[in-house]
Amino acid sequence: MNGYIGLYRGRRAECHAATSYEAQKILAKKLKARKSYEVTVVLAEKDGDDVVHTFVD
């Protein structure tokens, strides 16, 4: 299970799921989104290790 962060309209929630799609469905319910595709999902933890995302211009 991996850890995910979900973002929806300025709100944030976390969950653990096997896939990002599964996480998106779980987070949509937690964040009360009308459609699951409106929730942005980001991988935060994989196999117990933190995941760091870097953005380069």
N, C-alpha and C. Protein backbone atom coordinates (compact mmCIF):
# COMPACT_ATOMS: atom_id res chain seq x y z
N MET A 1 0.84 -1.19 0.00
CA MET A 1 0.00 0.00 0.00
C MET A 1 0.88 1.24 0.00
N ASN A 2 0.48 2.20 -0.78
CA ASN A 2 1.20 3.46 -0.90
C ASN A 2 0.38 4.58 -0.26
N GLY A 3 1.06 5.63 0.16
CA GLY A 3 0.38 6.78 0.75
C GLY A 3 0.17 7.85 -0.31
N TYR A 4 -1.02 8.43 -0.32
CA TYR A 4 -1.38 9.46 -1.30
C TYR A 4 -1.95 10.68 -0.61
N ILE A 5 -1.77 11.83 -1.26
CA ILE A 5 -2.38 13.08 -0.82
C ILE A 5 -3.35 13.50 -1.91
N GLY A 6 -4.53 13.91 -1.50
CA GLY A 6 -5.54 14.38 -2.45
C GLY A 6 -5.84 15.85 -2.23
N LEU A 7 -5.99 16.58 -3.32
CA LEU A 7 -6.28 18.01 -3.28
C LEU A 7 -7.57 18.28 -4.05
N TYR A 8 -8.46 19.06 -3.41
CA TYR A 8 -9.73 19.39 -4.05
C TYR A 8 -10.24 20.71 -3.50
N ARG A 9 -10.31 21.71 -4.35
CA ARG A 9 -10.85 23.03 -3.99
C ARG A 9 -10.27 23.60 -2.70
N GLY A 10 -8.96 23.57 -2.59
CA GLY A 10 -8.29 24.15 -1.43
C GLY A 10 -8.26 23.26 -0.20
N ARG A 11 -8.82 22.07 -0.31
CA ARG A 11 -8.81 21.14 0.81
C ARG A 11 -7.82 20.02 0.52
N ARG A 12 -7.37 19.34 1.57
CA ARG A 12 -6.34 18.30 1.46
C ARG A 12 -6.72 17.13 2.34
N ALA A 13 -6.48 15.91 1.86
CA ALA A 13 -6.72 14.70 2.64
C ALA A 13 -5.67 13.67 2.26
N GLU A 14 -5.49 12.69 3.14
CA GLU A 14 -4.51 11.64 2.92
C GLU A 14 -5.17 10.27 3.03
N CYS A 15 -4.59 9.29 2.32
CA CYS A 15 -5.08 7.91 2.42
C CYS A 15 -4.00 6.95 1.98
N HIS A 16 -4.23 5.67 2.22
CA HIS A 16 -3.35 4.60 1.75
C HIS A 16 -4.17 3.74 0.79
N ALA A 17 -3.57 3.39 -0.35
CA ALA A 17 -4.25 2.58 -1.35
C ALA A 17 -3.21 1.86 -2.20
N ALA A 18 -3.67 0.84 -2.92
CA ALA A 18 -2.77 0.06 -3.76
C ALA A 18 -2.43 0.79 -5.06
N THR A 19 -3.40 1.56 -5.59
CA THR A 19 -3.18 2.28 -6.85
C THR A 19 -3.64 3.73 -6.71
N SER A 20 -3.19 4.58 -7.62
CA SER A 20 -3.60 5.98 -7.57
C SER A 20 -5.09 6.12 -7.90
N TYR A 21 -5.61 5.25 -8.74
CA TYR A 21 -7.04 5.30 -9.08
C TYR A 21 -7.89 4.96 -7.85
N GLU A 22 -7.48 3.94 -7.13
CA GLU A 22 -8.18 3.56 -5.90
C GLU A 22 -8.12 4.71 -4.89
N ALA A 23 -6.96 5.33 -4.77
CA ALA A 23 -6.78 6.47 -3.87
C ALA A 23 -7.67 7.63 -4.28
N GLN A 24 -7.79 7.87 -5.58
CA GLN A 24 -8.62 8.95 -6.08
C GLN A 24 -10.08 8.75 -5.69
N LYS A 25 -10.56 7.52 -5.77
CA LYS A 25 -11.95 7.23 -5.39
C LYS A 25 -12.15 7.42 -3.88
N ILE A 26 -11.20 6.95 -3.07
CA ILE A 26 -11.28 7.10 -1.61
C ILE A 26 -11.25 8.57 -1.23
N LEU A 27 -10.32 9.33 -1.82
CA LEU A 27 -10.17 10.74 -1.49
C LEU A 27 -11.35 11.57 -1.97
N ALA A 28 -11.97 11.19 -3.07
CA ALA A 28 -13.15 11.90 -3.55
C ALA A 28 -14.28 11.82 -2.52
N LYS A 29 -14.42 10.66 -1.90
CA LYS A 29 -15.44 10.51 -0.85
C LYS A 29 -15.08 11.34 0.38
N LYS A 30 -13.80 11.29 0.78
CA LYS A 30 -13.36 12.05 1.96
C LYS A 30 -13.53 13.55 1.75
N LEU A 31 -13.21 14.02 0.55
CA LEU A 31 -13.26 15.46 0.26
C LEU A 31 -14.62 15.91 -0.26
N LYS A 32 -15.54 14.96 -0.41
CA LYS A 32 -16.90 15.23 -0.87
C LYS A 32 -16.93 15.89 -2.25
N ALA A 33 -16.10 15.34 -3.15
CA ALA A 33 -16.07 15.82 -4.53
C ALA A 33 -17.22 15.18 -5.30
N ARG A 34 -17.78 15.91 -6.24
CA ARG A 34 -18.88 15.36 -7.04
C ARG A 34 -18.39 14.24 -7.94
N LYS A 35 -17.24 14.43 -8.55
CA LYS A 35 -16.66 13.43 -9.44
C LYS A 35 -15.24 13.13 -8.98
N SER A 36 -14.82 11.88 -9.04
CA SER A 36 -13.49 11.51 -8.56
C SER A 36 -12.39 12.14 -9.41
N TYR A 37 -12.66 12.38 -10.70
CA TYR A 37 -11.62 12.96 -11.56
C TYR A 37 -11.33 14.43 -11.23
N GLU A 38 -12.12 15.05 -10.38
CA GLU A 38 -11.86 16.43 -9.95
C GLU A 38 -10.79 16.49 -8.86
N VAL A 39 -10.44 15.36 -8.28
CA VAL A 39 -9.46 15.30 -7.19
C VAL A 39 -8.07 15.03 -7.77
N THR A 40 -7.12 15.87 -7.41
CA THR A 40 -5.73 15.68 -7.82
C THR A 40 -5.06 14.78 -6.80
N VAL A 41 -4.42 13.72 -7.28
CA VAL A 41 -3.79 12.74 -6.39
C VAL A 41 -2.27 12.77 -6.61
N VAL A 42 -1.53 12.82 -5.50
CA VAL A 42 -0.07 12.86 -5.55
C VAL A 42 0.48 11.75 -4.66
N LEU A 43 1.43 10.99 -5.19
CA LEU A 43 2.08 9.94 -4.41
C LEU A 43 2.96 10.58 -3.34
N ALA A 44 2.77 10.17 -2.09
CA ALA A 44 3.53 10.76 -0.98
C ALA A 44 4.42 9.74 -0.28
N GLU A 45 4.07 8.46 -0.36
CA GLU A 45 4.82 7.42 0.34
C GLU A 45 4.75 6.13 -0.46
N LYS A 46 5.91 5.51 -0.69
CA LYS A 46 5.94 4.25 -1.43
C LYS A 46 6.76 3.24 -0.65
N ASP A 47 6.15 2.12 -0.33
CA ASP A 47 6.80 1.05 0.44
C ASP A 47 7.40 1.57 1.75
N GLY A 48 6.72 2.50 2.40
CA GLY A 48 7.16 3.01 3.69
C GLY A 48 8.17 4.15 3.62
N ASP A 49 8.64 4.49 2.43
CA ASP A 49 9.59 5.59 2.26
C ASP A 49 8.90 6.81 1.67
N ASP A 50 9.27 7.99 2.16
CA ASP A 50 8.71 9.23 1.62
C ASP A 50 9.13 9.43 0.17
N VAL A 51 8.23 10.01 -0.62
CA VAL A 51 8.52 10.33 -2.01
C VAL A 51 8.67 11.83 -2.12
N VAL A 52 9.75 12.28 -2.73
CA VAL A 52 9.99 13.71 -2.89
C VAL A 52 9.83 14.06 -4.37
N HIS A 53 9.00 15.05 -4.64
CA HIS A 53 8.78 15.52 -6.01
C HIS A 53 9.54 16.83 -6.19
N THR A 54 10.26 16.94 -7.28
CA THR A 54 10.95 18.18 -7.59
C THR A 54 10.46 18.69 -8.94
N PHE A 55 10.32 20.00 -9.05
CA PHE A 55 9.85 20.61 -10.26
C PHE A 55 10.96 21.50 -10.80
N VAL A 56 11.27 21.33 -12.06
CA VAL A 56 12.34 22.11 -12.71
C VAL A 56 11.70 22.96 -13.79
N ASP A 57 12.07 24.22 -13.81
CA ASP A 57 11.54 25.11 -14.85
C ASP A 57 12.21 24.88 -16.16
